[in-house]
């Protein structure tokens, strides 16, 4: 198993150096097939002493004016979050930008800003009390989620091991 930038995951699978990859916002292409895996709800994540940490749920408008720890530009999750913030008229102040969730969580732990992150990615820190999460209300627009899927080459059958791994993930 290897962690790579999402664009690199698809490149490595397309080149045949990996049999399958797990990516957010998976897209099918002429060479890649995407198998939906799960939708992860996005939640507001903040320092436990942040003013919003006391809330159980918020409308995205509540983050207007906040310092924001953002995903790097060009990532599909950044584009989705930017669209959601724009629809909610919640202009934030981008304080920091990162290409991975682990670094974003560390920045939020030192109170560098708030962010929208996939809830499964912050469960450990929430349990430890180093981060706080707040549910997001979408007012009739459905939940804000990050779709995650499994990509593999269209022109090759998955090995038995890869099929079992994908089946285990989907179970």
Foldseek 3Di string as FASTA:
>chain_A
DDDDQQVVQVVCQQVVVDFKDKDWPDDDDPWKDKDWADWFFWWKKAFCPDPCLVAQEDALLVQAAWAEEAEDPPDPVRVLVVVSCVVSVRHYHDQHYYNDDVVSLVCRLVGNTMYIDGPVVCPVVVVVNSMGTHAYDSPPPDTRIIIMIMMHTPVDDHDPVVVVVSVVSND
